[in-house]
N, C-alpha and C. Protein backbone atom coordinates (compact mmCIF):
# COMPACT_ATOMS: atom_id res chain seq x y z
N UNK A 1 -90.46 -59.06 61.59
CA UNK A 1 -91.41 -59.98 60.98
C UNK A 1 -91.14 -60.09 59.47
N UNK A 2 -91.23 -61.34 58.98
CA UNK A 2 -91.06 -61.56 57.55
C UNK A 2 -92.17 -60.88 56.76
N UNK A 3 -91.88 -60.60 55.48
CA UNK A 3 -92.93 -60.20 54.56
C UNK A 3 -93.59 -61.48 54.04
N UNK A 4 -94.55 -61.98 54.81
CA UNK A 4 -95.13 -63.29 54.55
C UNK A 4 -95.91 -63.29 53.23
N UNK A 5 -95.66 -64.31 52.41
CA UNK A 5 -96.42 -64.51 51.18
C UNK A 5 -97.69 -65.29 51.49
N UNK A 6 -98.68 -65.15 50.62
CA UNK A 6 -99.94 -65.84 50.81
C UNK A 6 -100.23 -66.74 49.61
N UNK A 7 -100.55 -67.98 49.93
CA UNK A 7 -101.02 -68.94 48.92
C UNK A 7 -102.45 -69.33 49.28
N UNK A 8 -103.33 -69.26 48.30
CA UNK A 8 -104.69 -69.75 48.48
C UNK A 8 -104.82 -71.00 47.62
N UNK A 9 -105.17 -72.10 48.26
CA UNK A 9 -105.14 -73.39 47.57
C UNK A 9 -106.54 -73.96 47.43
N UNK A 10 -106.66 -74.91 46.49
CA UNK A 10 -107.91 -75.60 46.30
C UNK A 10 -108.93 -74.82 45.50
N UNK A 11 -108.48 -74.09 44.50
CA UNK A 11 -109.38 -73.29 43.66
C UNK A 11 -109.85 -74.10 42.45
N UNK A 12 -111.06 -73.73 41.96
CA UNK A 12 -111.59 -74.43 40.80
C UNK A 12 -112.63 -73.61 40.04
N UNK A 13 -113.51 -72.93 40.78
CA UNK A 13 -114.62 -72.19 40.18
C UNK A 13 -114.11 -70.92 39.49
N UNK A 14 -114.50 -70.73 38.23
CA UNK A 14 -113.97 -69.63 37.42
C UNK A 14 -114.30 -68.27 38.04
N UNK A 15 -115.55 -68.06 38.42
CA UNK A 15 -115.93 -66.76 38.98
C UNK A 15 -115.22 -66.51 40.31
N UNK A 16 -115.06 -67.54 41.10
CA UNK A 16 -114.36 -67.43 42.37
C UNK A 16 -112.88 -67.08 42.15
N UNK A 17 -112.28 -67.69 41.13
CA UNK A 17 -110.89 -67.38 40.78
C UNK A 17 -110.76 -65.92 40.34
N UNK A 18 -111.71 -65.45 39.55
CA UNK A 18 -111.68 -64.06 39.09
C UNK A 18 -111.69 -63.09 40.28
N UNK A 19 -112.48 -63.41 41.31
CA UNK A 19 -112.51 -62.58 42.51
C UNK A 19 -111.21 -62.68 43.28
N UNK A 20 -110.69 -63.89 43.39
CA UNK A 20 -109.48 -64.11 44.20
C UNK A 20 -108.28 -63.36 43.64
N UNK A 21 -108.12 -63.36 42.33
CA UNK A 21 -106.91 -62.77 41.75
C UNK A 21 -106.90 -61.25 41.83
N UNK A 22 -107.99 -60.68 42.33
CA UNK A 22 -107.99 -59.24 42.61
C UNK A 22 -107.34 -58.94 43.97
N UNK A 23 -107.13 -59.97 44.77
CA UNK A 23 -106.55 -59.80 46.10
C UNK A 23 -105.02 -59.92 46.04
N UNK A 24 -104.31 -59.37 47.02
CA UNK A 24 -102.84 -59.40 47.01
C UNK A 24 -102.28 -60.74 47.49
N UNK A 25 -102.40 -61.76 46.63
CA UNK A 25 -101.84 -63.07 46.94
C UNK A 25 -100.67 -63.35 46.00
N UNK A 26 -99.79 -64.26 46.42
CA UNK A 26 -98.61 -64.58 45.62
C UNK A 26 -98.76 -65.89 44.86
N UNK A 27 -99.55 -66.82 45.42
CA UNK A 27 -99.69 -68.16 44.83
C UNK A 27 -101.16 -68.57 44.83
N UNK A 28 -101.55 -69.28 43.79
CA UNK A 28 -102.88 -69.87 43.73
C UNK A 28 -102.71 -71.35 43.41
N UNK A 29 -103.33 -72.20 44.24
CA UNK A 29 -103.11 -73.64 44.14
C UNK A 29 -104.27 -74.38 43.50
N UNK A 30 -103.94 -75.31 42.61
CA UNK A 30 -104.91 -76.15 41.92
C UNK A 30 -104.56 -77.61 42.19
N UNK A 31 -105.54 -78.37 42.66
CA UNK A 31 -105.27 -79.73 43.13
C UNK A 31 -105.59 -80.75 42.04
N UNK A 32 -104.56 -81.46 41.62
CA UNK A 32 -104.69 -82.51 40.60
C UNK A 32 -104.62 -83.88 41.28
N UNK A 33 -105.51 -84.08 42.24
CA UNK A 33 -105.58 -85.34 42.98
C UNK A 33 -107.04 -85.75 43.02
N UNK A 34 -107.36 -86.84 42.33
CA UNK A 34 -108.76 -87.17 42.07
C UNK A 34 -109.57 -87.48 43.33
N UNK A 35 -108.90 -87.83 44.43
CA UNK A 35 -109.64 -88.14 45.66
C UNK A 35 -109.94 -86.90 46.48
N UNK A 36 -109.43 -85.76 46.06
CA UNK A 36 -109.70 -84.51 46.78
C UNK A 36 -111.04 -83.94 46.35
N UNK A 37 -111.83 -83.39 47.31
CA UNK A 37 -113.07 -82.71 46.92
C UNK A 37 -112.81 -81.42 46.14
N UNK A 38 -111.55 -81.01 46.05
CA UNK A 38 -111.17 -79.80 45.32
C UNK A 38 -110.44 -80.13 44.02
N UNK A 39 -110.60 -81.35 43.57
CA UNK A 39 -109.94 -81.83 42.35
C UNK A 39 -110.32 -80.98 41.14
N UNK A 40 -109.30 -80.55 40.42
CA UNK A 40 -109.50 -79.74 39.21
C UNK A 40 -109.68 -80.69 38.03
N UNK A 41 -110.89 -81.14 37.83
CA UNK A 41 -111.14 -82.13 36.80
C UNK A 41 -111.15 -81.53 35.40
N UNK A 42 -111.61 -80.30 35.30
CA UNK A 42 -111.78 -79.67 33.97
C UNK A 42 -110.69 -78.65 33.66
N UNK A 43 -109.60 -78.68 34.41
CA UNK A 43 -108.47 -77.82 34.09
C UNK A 43 -108.56 -76.45 34.71
N UNK A 44 -107.61 -75.60 34.33
CA UNK A 44 -107.46 -74.26 34.91
C UNK A 44 -107.82 -73.22 33.85
N UNK A 45 -108.73 -72.30 34.17
CA UNK A 45 -109.06 -71.25 33.19
C UNK A 45 -107.87 -70.31 32.99
N UNK A 46 -107.65 -69.83 31.78
CA UNK A 46 -106.47 -69.00 31.47
C UNK A 46 -106.66 -67.54 31.87
N UNK A 47 -106.94 -67.32 33.15
CA UNK A 47 -107.24 -65.96 33.62
C UNK A 47 -106.31 -65.50 34.74
N UNK A 48 -105.40 -66.37 35.19
CA UNK A 48 -104.52 -66.01 36.30
C UNK A 48 -103.43 -65.07 35.79
N UNK A 49 -103.27 -63.89 36.39
CA UNK A 49 -102.28 -62.92 35.90
C UNK A 49 -100.86 -63.37 36.16
N UNK A 50 -99.93 -62.74 35.45
CA UNK A 50 -98.52 -63.12 35.56
C UNK A 50 -97.95 -62.94 36.96
N UNK A 51 -98.51 -62.02 37.73
CA UNK A 51 -97.98 -61.76 39.06
C UNK A 51 -98.36 -62.78 40.12
N UNK A 52 -99.21 -63.74 39.76
CA UNK A 52 -99.63 -64.78 40.70
C UNK A 52 -99.14 -66.13 40.16
N UNK A 53 -98.36 -66.85 40.97
CA UNK A 53 -97.82 -68.13 40.51
C UNK A 53 -98.87 -69.22 40.62
N UNK A 54 -98.99 -70.00 39.55
CA UNK A 54 -99.91 -71.14 39.53
C UNK A 54 -99.19 -72.37 40.08
N UNK A 55 -99.76 -72.95 41.12
CA UNK A 55 -99.19 -74.12 41.78
C UNK A 55 -100.05 -75.34 41.49
N UNK A 56 -99.47 -76.37 40.94
CA UNK A 56 -100.16 -77.63 40.77
C UNK A 56 -99.84 -78.55 41.93
N UNK A 57 -100.88 -79.06 42.58
CA UNK A 57 -100.71 -79.93 43.75
C UNK A 57 -100.95 -81.37 43.32
N UNK A 58 -99.99 -82.24 43.59
CA UNK A 58 -100.03 -83.63 43.14
C UNK A 58 -99.76 -84.57 44.32
N UNK A 59 -100.33 -85.76 44.24
CA UNK A 59 -100.13 -86.78 45.28
C UNK A 59 -99.69 -88.08 44.61
N UNK A 60 -98.43 -88.44 44.82
CA UNK A 60 -97.87 -89.70 44.32
C UNK A 60 -98.12 -89.89 42.82
N UNK A 61 -97.89 -88.80 42.07
CA UNK A 61 -98.10 -88.83 40.63
C UNK A 61 -96.77 -89.03 39.92
N UNK A 62 -96.82 -89.45 38.66
CA UNK A 62 -95.60 -89.70 37.90
C UNK A 62 -95.06 -88.40 37.30
N UNK A 63 -93.79 -88.41 36.99
CA UNK A 63 -93.15 -87.27 36.34
C UNK A 63 -93.87 -86.91 35.05
N UNK A 64 -94.23 -87.91 34.27
CA UNK A 64 -94.88 -87.67 32.97
C UNK A 64 -96.21 -86.97 33.14
N UNK A 65 -97.02 -87.43 34.06
CA UNK A 65 -98.34 -86.82 34.28
C UNK A 65 -98.18 -85.39 34.80
N UNK A 66 -97.25 -85.19 35.74
CA UNK A 66 -97.03 -83.86 36.28
C UNK A 66 -96.61 -82.90 35.17
N UNK A 67 -95.67 -83.32 34.35
CA UNK A 67 -95.18 -82.44 33.30
C UNK A 67 -96.25 -82.17 32.25
N UNK A 68 -97.15 -83.12 32.03
CA UNK A 68 -98.26 -82.88 31.11
C UNK A 68 -99.15 -81.75 31.62
N UNK A 69 -99.43 -81.75 32.93
CA UNK A 69 -100.24 -80.68 33.52
C UNK A 69 -99.48 -79.35 33.52
N UNK A 70 -98.19 -79.41 33.80
CA UNK A 70 -97.35 -78.20 33.79
C UNK A 70 -97.43 -77.52 32.42
N UNK A 71 -97.30 -78.31 31.38
CA UNK A 71 -97.30 -77.75 30.02
C UNK A 71 -98.70 -77.33 29.57
N UNK A 72 -99.70 -78.07 29.99
CA UNK A 72 -101.08 -77.75 29.58
C UNK A 72 -101.57 -76.44 30.19
N UNK A 73 -101.14 -76.18 31.45
CA UNK A 73 -101.69 -75.04 32.19
C UNK A 73 -100.62 -74.01 32.61
N UNK A 74 -99.41 -74.15 32.05
CA UNK A 74 -98.33 -73.20 32.31
C UNK A 74 -98.10 -73.03 33.83
N UNK A 75 -98.02 -74.14 34.53
CA UNK A 75 -97.73 -74.11 35.96
C UNK A 75 -96.28 -73.68 36.17
N UNK A 76 -96.06 -72.83 37.15
CA UNK A 76 -94.68 -72.43 37.49
C UNK A 76 -94.13 -73.21 38.68
N UNK A 77 -95.04 -73.73 39.49
CA UNK A 77 -94.65 -74.38 40.74
C UNK A 77 -95.41 -75.70 40.87
N UNK A 78 -94.74 -76.71 41.41
CA UNK A 78 -95.41 -77.97 41.73
C UNK A 78 -95.26 -78.24 43.22
N UNK A 79 -96.36 -78.70 43.81
CA UNK A 79 -96.39 -79.07 45.22
C UNK A 79 -96.66 -80.56 45.31
N UNK A 80 -95.75 -81.28 45.93
CA UNK A 80 -95.87 -82.73 46.02
C UNK A 80 -96.33 -83.09 47.42
N UNK A 81 -97.50 -83.71 47.50
CA UNK A 81 -98.16 -83.88 48.80
C UNK A 81 -98.29 -85.34 49.21
N UNK A 82 -97.53 -86.22 48.56
CA UNK A 82 -97.59 -87.64 48.91
C UNK A 82 -96.27 -88.13 49.46
N UNK A 83 -95.87 -89.32 49.00
CA UNK A 83 -94.61 -89.93 49.45
C UNK A 83 -93.55 -89.88 48.36
N UNK A 84 -93.53 -88.79 47.62
CA UNK A 84 -92.63 -88.66 46.47
C UNK A 84 -91.17 -88.66 46.92
N UNK A 85 -90.30 -89.35 46.16
CA UNK A 85 -88.87 -89.36 46.50
C UNK A 85 -88.17 -88.08 46.06
N UNK A 86 -86.99 -87.86 46.64
CA UNK A 86 -86.20 -86.68 46.29
C UNK A 86 -85.80 -86.70 44.81
N UNK A 87 -85.68 -87.89 44.23
CA UNK A 87 -85.31 -87.98 42.81
C UNK A 87 -86.36 -87.33 41.91
N UNK A 88 -87.64 -87.45 42.28
CA UNK A 88 -88.69 -86.80 41.50
C UNK A 88 -88.60 -85.29 41.66
N UNK A 89 -88.35 -84.83 42.87
CA UNK A 89 -88.17 -83.39 43.09
C UNK A 89 -87.03 -82.85 42.23
N UNK A 90 -85.93 -83.60 42.19
CA UNK A 90 -84.76 -83.18 41.42
C UNK A 90 -85.09 -83.11 39.93
N UNK A 91 -85.83 -84.10 39.44
CA UNK A 91 -86.19 -84.12 38.02
C UNK A 91 -87.08 -82.94 37.65
N UNK A 92 -87.99 -82.57 38.54
CA UNK A 92 -88.87 -81.44 38.27
C UNK A 92 -88.11 -80.11 38.36
N UNK A 93 -87.20 -80.00 39.30
CA UNK A 93 -86.37 -78.80 39.40
C UNK A 93 -85.53 -78.63 38.14
N UNK A 94 -85.07 -79.73 37.60
CA UNK A 94 -84.26 -79.68 36.39
C UNK A 94 -85.05 -79.14 35.20
N UNK A 95 -86.38 -79.18 35.30
CA UNK A 95 -87.24 -78.62 34.25
C UNK A 95 -87.50 -77.14 34.46
N UNK A 96 -86.87 -76.55 35.47
CA UNK A 96 -87.03 -75.12 35.74
C UNK A 96 -88.20 -74.77 36.63
N UNK A 97 -88.80 -75.78 37.25
CA UNK A 97 -89.95 -75.56 38.11
C UNK A 97 -89.52 -75.26 39.54
N UNK A 98 -90.34 -74.48 40.25
CA UNK A 98 -90.19 -74.35 41.69
C UNK A 98 -90.86 -75.55 42.33
N UNK A 99 -90.18 -76.18 43.28
CA UNK A 99 -90.69 -77.41 43.88
C UNK A 99 -90.94 -77.21 45.37
N UNK A 100 -92.17 -77.51 45.79
CA UNK A 100 -92.57 -77.50 47.19
C UNK A 100 -92.86 -78.94 47.58
N UNK A 101 -92.20 -79.43 48.62
CA UNK A 101 -92.47 -80.79 49.11
C UNK A 101 -93.18 -80.70 50.45
N UNK A 102 -94.37 -81.29 50.52
CA UNK A 102 -95.20 -81.21 51.72
C UNK A 102 -94.96 -82.40 52.64
N UNK A 103 -95.05 -82.14 53.94
CA UNK A 103 -94.96 -83.19 54.94
C UNK A 103 -96.01 -82.95 56.02
N UNK A 104 -96.64 -84.04 56.46
CA UNK A 104 -97.59 -83.97 57.56
C UNK A 104 -96.86 -84.05 58.88
N UNK A 105 -97.16 -83.10 59.77
CA UNK A 105 -96.41 -82.96 61.01
C UNK A 105 -97.28 -83.34 62.21
N UNK A 106 -96.70 -84.12 63.11
CA UNK A 106 -97.26 -84.32 64.44
C UNK A 106 -96.10 -84.43 65.40
N UNK A 107 -96.38 -84.76 66.66
CA UNK A 107 -95.31 -84.76 67.68
C UNK A 107 -94.31 -85.88 67.49
N UNK A 108 -94.61 -86.85 66.61
CA UNK A 108 -93.68 -87.96 66.38
C UNK A 108 -92.87 -87.78 65.10
N UNK A 109 -93.06 -86.66 64.40
CA UNK A 109 -92.40 -86.49 63.10
C UNK A 109 -90.88 -86.50 63.24
N UNK A 110 -90.22 -87.22 62.34
CA UNK A 110 -88.75 -87.30 62.32
C UNK A 110 -88.22 -86.24 61.36
N UNK A 111 -87.76 -85.13 61.91
CA UNK A 111 -87.31 -84.01 61.09
C UNK A 111 -86.10 -84.36 60.23
N UNK A 112 -85.30 -85.35 60.66
CA UNK A 112 -84.13 -85.71 59.85
C UNK A 112 -84.53 -86.39 58.54
N UNK A 113 -85.81 -86.80 58.43
CA UNK A 113 -86.27 -87.40 57.18
C UNK A 113 -86.28 -86.39 56.03
N UNK A 114 -86.16 -85.11 56.34
CA UNK A 114 -86.12 -84.08 55.31
C UNK A 114 -84.75 -83.95 54.66
N UNK A 115 -83.73 -84.52 55.29
CA UNK A 115 -82.35 -84.26 54.86
C UNK A 115 -82.11 -84.63 53.40
N UNK A 116 -82.69 -85.73 52.95
CA UNK A 116 -82.44 -86.18 51.57
C UNK A 116 -83.07 -85.28 50.52
N UNK A 117 -83.95 -84.37 50.95
CA UNK A 117 -84.63 -83.47 50.01
C UNK A 117 -83.97 -82.09 49.90
N UNK A 118 -83.03 -81.80 50.76
CA UNK A 118 -82.55 -80.43 50.90
C UNK A 118 -82.01 -79.84 49.60
N UNK A 119 -81.35 -80.64 48.79
CA UNK A 119 -80.75 -80.14 47.55
C UNK A 119 -81.74 -80.08 46.39
N UNK A 120 -82.93 -80.63 46.59
CA UNK A 120 -83.83 -80.85 45.46
C UNK A 120 -85.16 -80.14 45.57
N UNK A 121 -85.38 -79.35 46.63
CA UNK A 121 -86.62 -78.59 46.76
C UNK A 121 -86.30 -77.13 47.00
N UNK A 122 -87.25 -76.27 46.67
CA UNK A 122 -87.13 -74.85 46.95
C UNK A 122 -87.74 -74.50 48.30
N UNK A 123 -88.83 -75.22 48.61
CA UNK A 123 -89.55 -74.99 49.86
C UNK A 123 -90.07 -76.31 50.39
N UNK A 124 -90.22 -76.39 51.70
CA UNK A 124 -91.06 -77.41 52.31
C UNK A 124 -92.42 -76.79 52.59
N UNK A 125 -93.42 -77.64 52.78
CA UNK A 125 -94.72 -77.21 53.28
C UNK A 125 -95.07 -78.12 54.44
N UNK A 126 -95.35 -77.52 55.58
CA UNK A 126 -95.68 -78.29 56.77
C UNK A 126 -97.17 -78.20 57.03
N UNK A 127 -97.82 -79.36 57.00
CA UNK A 127 -99.27 -79.46 57.14
C UNK A 127 -99.57 -80.39 58.32
N UNK A 128 -100.83 -80.48 58.67
CA UNK A 128 -101.25 -81.38 59.72
C UNK A 128 -101.25 -82.82 59.20
N UNK A 129 -100.64 -83.72 59.94
CA UNK A 129 -100.57 -85.11 59.50
C UNK A 129 -101.95 -85.72 59.43
N UNK A 130 -102.26 -86.35 58.29
CA UNK A 130 -103.54 -87.03 58.12
C UNK A 130 -103.42 -88.01 56.97
N UNK A 131 -104.43 -88.86 56.83
CA UNK A 131 -104.45 -89.79 55.70
C UNK A 131 -105.05 -89.14 54.46
N UNK A 132 -105.52 -87.90 54.59
CA UNK A 132 -106.20 -87.22 53.49
C UNK A 132 -105.26 -86.41 52.60
N UNK A 133 -103.96 -86.35 52.94
CA UNK A 133 -103.01 -85.53 52.18
C UNK A 133 -103.43 -84.06 52.19
N UNK A 134 -103.79 -83.55 53.37
CA UNK A 134 -104.14 -82.14 53.51
C UNK A 134 -105.63 -81.89 53.44
N UNK A 135 -106.00 -80.60 53.63
CA UNK A 135 -107.39 -80.21 53.54
C UNK A 135 -108.23 -80.61 54.72
N UNK A 136 -107.60 -80.85 55.87
CA UNK A 136 -108.36 -81.30 57.04
C UNK A 136 -109.03 -80.16 57.80
N UNK A 137 -108.53 -78.93 57.64
CA UNK A 137 -109.04 -77.82 58.43
C UNK A 137 -108.54 -77.81 59.85
N UNK A 138 -107.58 -78.70 60.15
CA UNK A 138 -107.03 -78.82 61.50
C UNK A 138 -105.58 -78.34 61.53
N UNK A 139 -105.20 -77.71 62.63
CA UNK A 139 -103.82 -77.25 62.81
C UNK A 139 -103.01 -78.27 63.60
N UNK A 140 -101.73 -78.36 63.31
CA UNK A 140 -100.84 -79.11 64.19
C UNK A 140 -100.25 -78.14 65.22
N UNK A 141 -99.58 -78.68 66.20
CA UNK A 141 -98.99 -77.82 67.23
C UNK A 141 -97.77 -77.11 66.64
N UNK A 142 -97.89 -75.80 66.48
CA UNK A 142 -96.81 -75.04 65.84
C UNK A 142 -95.54 -75.01 66.67
N UNK A 143 -95.63 -75.42 67.93
CA UNK A 143 -94.41 -75.51 68.75
C UNK A 143 -93.45 -76.56 68.19
N UNK A 144 -93.98 -77.50 67.40
CA UNK A 144 -93.12 -78.52 66.78
C UNK A 144 -92.13 -77.90 65.81
N UNK A 145 -92.45 -76.73 65.27
CA UNK A 145 -91.56 -76.08 64.31
C UNK A 145 -90.21 -75.71 64.94
N UNK A 146 -90.17 -75.62 66.25
CA UNK A 146 -88.91 -75.30 66.94
C UNK A 146 -87.88 -76.42 66.73
N UNK A 147 -88.34 -77.60 66.35
CA UNK A 147 -87.43 -78.73 66.13
C UNK A 147 -86.94 -78.83 64.68
N UNK A 148 -87.46 -77.99 63.81
CA UNK A 148 -87.04 -78.02 62.40
C UNK A 148 -85.60 -77.54 62.30
N UNK A 149 -84.66 -78.40 61.83
CA UNK A 149 -83.24 -78.09 61.94
C UNK A 149 -82.56 -77.50 60.71
N UNK A 150 -83.30 -77.29 59.61
CA UNK A 150 -82.65 -76.92 58.35
C UNK A 150 -82.98 -75.49 57.92
N UNK A 151 -82.24 -75.01 56.93
CA UNK A 151 -82.38 -73.61 56.50
C UNK A 151 -83.44 -73.41 55.42
N UNK A 152 -83.88 -74.47 54.78
CA UNK A 152 -84.84 -74.35 53.68
C UNK A 152 -86.13 -73.67 54.15
N UNK A 153 -86.59 -72.62 53.47
CA UNK A 153 -87.82 -71.93 53.88
C UNK A 153 -89.04 -72.82 53.69
N UNK A 154 -90.13 -72.47 54.39
CA UNK A 154 -91.30 -73.33 54.34
C UNK A 154 -92.61 -72.54 54.31
N UNK A 155 -93.63 -73.21 53.76
CA UNK A 155 -95.01 -72.77 53.82
C UNK A 155 -95.65 -73.42 55.04
N UNK A 156 -96.50 -72.67 55.74
CA UNK A 156 -97.25 -73.21 56.86
C UNK A 156 -98.69 -73.45 56.41
N UNK A 157 -99.17 -74.66 56.60
CA UNK A 157 -100.49 -75.05 56.17
C UNK A 157 -101.21 -75.78 57.30
N UNK A 158 -102.51 -76.00 57.11
CA UNK A 158 -103.27 -76.78 58.07
C UNK A 158 -104.09 -75.94 59.04
N UNK A 159 -105.36 -75.78 58.76
CA UNK A 159 -106.27 -75.15 59.70
C UNK A 159 -106.07 -73.68 59.94
N UNK A 160 -105.45 -72.97 59.02
CA UNK A 160 -105.31 -71.53 59.18
C UNK A 160 -106.63 -70.84 58.89
N UNK A 161 -107.07 -69.97 59.82
CA UNK A 161 -108.32 -69.24 59.66
C UNK A 161 -108.26 -67.91 60.37
N UNK A 162 -109.35 -67.17 60.35
CA UNK A 162 -109.37 -65.84 60.97
C UNK A 162 -109.00 -65.90 62.45
N UNK A 163 -109.37 -67.00 63.11
CA UNK A 163 -109.18 -67.08 64.55
C UNK A 163 -107.73 -67.33 64.96
N UNK A 164 -106.88 -67.77 64.04
CA UNK A 164 -105.49 -68.06 64.44
C UNK A 164 -104.43 -67.43 63.53
N UNK A 165 -104.84 -66.59 62.59
CA UNK A 165 -103.87 -65.94 61.69
C UNK A 165 -102.86 -65.11 62.49
N UNK A 166 -103.34 -64.36 63.48
CA UNK A 166 -102.42 -63.53 64.27
C UNK A 166 -101.39 -64.39 64.99
N UNK A 167 -101.82 -65.53 65.50
CA UNK A 167 -100.89 -66.42 66.19
C UNK A 167 -99.83 -66.97 65.23
N UNK A 168 -100.26 -67.28 64.02
CA UNK A 168 -99.30 -67.76 63.02
C UNK A 168 -98.24 -66.72 62.72
N UNK A 169 -98.65 -65.46 62.68
CA UNK A 169 -97.72 -64.38 62.37
C UNK A 169 -96.75 -64.11 63.52
N UNK A 170 -97.05 -64.66 64.69
CA UNK A 170 -96.16 -64.50 65.84
C UNK A 170 -95.05 -65.56 65.87
N UNK A 171 -95.13 -66.53 64.96
CA UNK A 171 -94.07 -67.54 64.91
C UNK A 171 -92.76 -66.84 64.55
N UNK A 172 -91.83 -66.89 65.44
CA UNK A 172 -90.57 -66.16 65.28
C UNK A 172 -89.56 -67.03 64.55
N UNK A 173 -89.69 -67.09 63.24
CA UNK A 173 -88.84 -67.97 62.45
C UNK A 173 -88.64 -67.35 61.08
N UNK A 174 -87.44 -66.95 60.78
CA UNK A 174 -87.15 -66.31 59.49
C UNK A 174 -87.35 -67.26 58.31
N UNK A 175 -87.45 -68.55 58.57
CA UNK A 175 -87.66 -69.54 57.50
C UNK A 175 -89.12 -69.66 57.10
N UNK A 176 -90.03 -69.11 57.90
CA UNK A 176 -91.45 -69.12 57.55
C UNK A 176 -91.67 -68.17 56.39
N UNK A 177 -91.97 -68.72 55.22
CA UNK A 177 -92.02 -67.95 53.99
C UNK A 177 -93.44 -67.58 53.58
N UNK A 178 -94.38 -68.48 53.81
CA UNK A 178 -95.74 -68.25 53.30
C UNK A 178 -96.77 -68.97 54.16
N UNK A 179 -97.98 -68.42 54.16
CA UNK A 179 -99.14 -69.07 54.77
C UNK A 179 -100.02 -69.63 53.66
N UNK A 180 -100.48 -70.86 53.86
CA UNK A 180 -101.29 -71.55 52.87
C UNK A 180 -102.74 -71.61 53.37
N UNK A 181 -103.63 -70.86 52.74
CA UNK A 181 -105.01 -70.75 53.18
C UNK A 181 -105.91 -71.61 52.31
N UNK A 182 -106.79 -72.38 52.98
CA UNK A 182 -107.64 -73.27 52.20
C UNK A 182 -108.99 -73.48 52.87
N UNK A 183 -109.17 -74.61 53.54
CA UNK A 183 -110.52 -75.07 53.89
C UNK A 183 -111.25 -74.18 54.89
N UNK A 184 -110.54 -73.50 55.78
CA UNK A 184 -111.21 -72.64 56.75
C UNK A 184 -111.82 -71.39 56.10
N UNK A 185 -111.53 -71.18 54.85
CA UNK A 185 -112.06 -70.01 54.13
C UNK A 185 -113.09 -70.41 53.08
N UNK A 186 -113.59 -71.63 53.18
CA UNK A 186 -114.49 -72.13 52.14
C UNK A 186 -115.96 -72.04 52.53
N UNK A 187 -116.77 -71.74 51.52
CA UNK A 187 -118.22 -71.85 51.64
C UNK A 187 -118.65 -73.28 51.31
N UNK A 188 -117.91 -73.90 50.42
CA UNK A 188 -118.05 -75.30 50.06
C UNK A 188 -116.72 -75.70 49.42
N UNK A 189 -116.42 -76.99 49.28
CA UNK A 189 -115.13 -77.37 48.71
C UNK A 189 -114.85 -76.68 47.38
N UNK A 190 -113.69 -76.02 47.31
CA UNK A 190 -113.19 -75.33 46.12
C UNK A 190 -113.86 -73.98 45.86
N UNK A 191 -114.69 -73.51 46.80
CA UNK A 191 -115.29 -72.18 46.67
C UNK A 191 -114.94 -71.37 47.92
N UNK A 192 -114.09 -70.35 47.75
CA UNK A 192 -113.64 -69.55 48.89
C UNK A 192 -114.58 -68.36 49.14
N UNK A 193 -114.68 -68.00 50.41
CA UNK A 193 -115.41 -66.80 50.81
C UNK A 193 -114.46 -65.62 50.66
N UNK A 194 -114.67 -64.83 49.65
CA UNK A 194 -113.75 -63.74 49.33
C UNK A 194 -113.75 -62.68 50.43
N UNK A 195 -114.90 -62.45 51.04
CA UNK A 195 -114.97 -61.48 52.14
C UNK A 195 -114.08 -61.92 53.30
N UNK A 196 -114.16 -63.19 53.68
CA UNK A 196 -113.35 -63.70 54.78
C UNK A 196 -111.87 -63.67 54.44
N UNK A 197 -111.54 -64.01 53.20
CA UNK A 197 -110.14 -63.93 52.77
C UNK A 197 -109.63 -62.49 52.82
N UNK A 198 -110.47 -61.56 52.40
CA UNK A 198 -110.08 -60.15 52.44
C UNK A 198 -109.80 -59.72 53.87
N UNK A 199 -110.63 -60.17 54.82
CA UNK A 199 -110.40 -59.88 56.23
C UNK A 199 -109.05 -60.42 56.68
N UNK A 200 -108.76 -61.66 56.30
CA UNK A 200 -107.49 -62.28 56.70
C UNK A 200 -106.30 -61.52 56.14
N UNK A 201 -106.38 -61.12 54.89
CA UNK A 201 -105.28 -60.39 54.27
C UNK A 201 -105.09 -59.02 54.92
N UNK A 202 -106.19 -58.40 55.35
CA UNK A 202 -106.09 -57.12 56.06
C UNK A 202 -105.40 -57.31 57.41
N UNK A 203 -105.73 -58.38 58.11
CA UNK A 203 -105.08 -58.69 59.38
C UNK A 203 -103.58 -58.90 59.17
N UNK A 204 -103.24 -59.68 58.16
CA UNK A 204 -101.83 -59.97 57.88
C UNK A 204 -101.08 -58.70 57.56
N UNK A 205 -101.64 -57.86 56.71
CA UNK A 205 -100.98 -56.60 56.35
C UNK A 205 -100.80 -55.71 57.58
N UNK A 206 -101.82 -55.62 58.41
CA UNK A 206 -101.75 -54.78 59.62
C UNK A 206 -100.69 -55.29 60.57
N UNK A 207 -100.66 -56.61 60.78
CA UNK A 207 -99.69 -57.18 61.72
C UNK A 207 -98.26 -57.01 61.21
N UNK A 208 -98.08 -57.13 59.91
CA UNK A 208 -96.74 -56.98 59.36
C UNK A 208 -96.26 -55.54 59.43
N UNK A 209 -97.16 -54.58 59.17
CA UNK A 209 -96.79 -53.17 59.30
C UNK A 209 -96.46 -52.85 60.76
N UNK A 210 -97.29 -53.37 61.68
CA UNK A 210 -97.05 -53.11 63.11
C UNK A 210 -95.74 -53.74 63.56
N UNK A 211 -95.43 -54.90 63.00
CA UNK A 211 -94.20 -55.59 63.38
C UNK A 211 -92.94 -54.89 62.93
N UNK A 212 -93.07 -54.04 61.89
CA UNK A 212 -91.89 -53.32 61.38
C UNK A 212 -91.70 -51.99 62.08
N UNK A 213 -92.68 -51.60 62.89
CA UNK A 213 -92.59 -50.30 63.56
C UNK A 213 -91.88 -50.41 64.89
């Protein structure tokens, strides 16, 4: 079993962030998309420690706007969740950023559409296909991942919660790099239940230790 990384996305509340960064997570996501109920309108508080990467999530935004947020909040990673071209990914990588390109997956998804991005992203993120650009709380059929033909590692997103974390960890794929936790752990949009997250992280740690034995 991989040493799966954890990303918690859709954060905004300062006190909630303070609680979250005490947990063993690798990435914390901030959504810069005004139509999202988790939109970070007032920016990111300067409290995230160096050991946790700050991810800015954008939907069909311009290079200039993205880089303005990167510089304002010292983002290390950008996640593109719209219809962004590979040229934008390449331009952001050239700035020294880690680039995650998200795609909505269903049974009709054309996996070869990823080919043009292979040289210009660090990770893909596979989410449930929707018109909302993520945050649906719904899972796609993970059996579709068997059709993914490329070596680029990926984040798994979409409807991950306590009831299916163990199943996610059973996905036998060395390219599965991280789990992206969001709406199933919320008390309200952009406010995570820290107790439930702690339970999930304990399950993940236990399953990974058991898998190495």
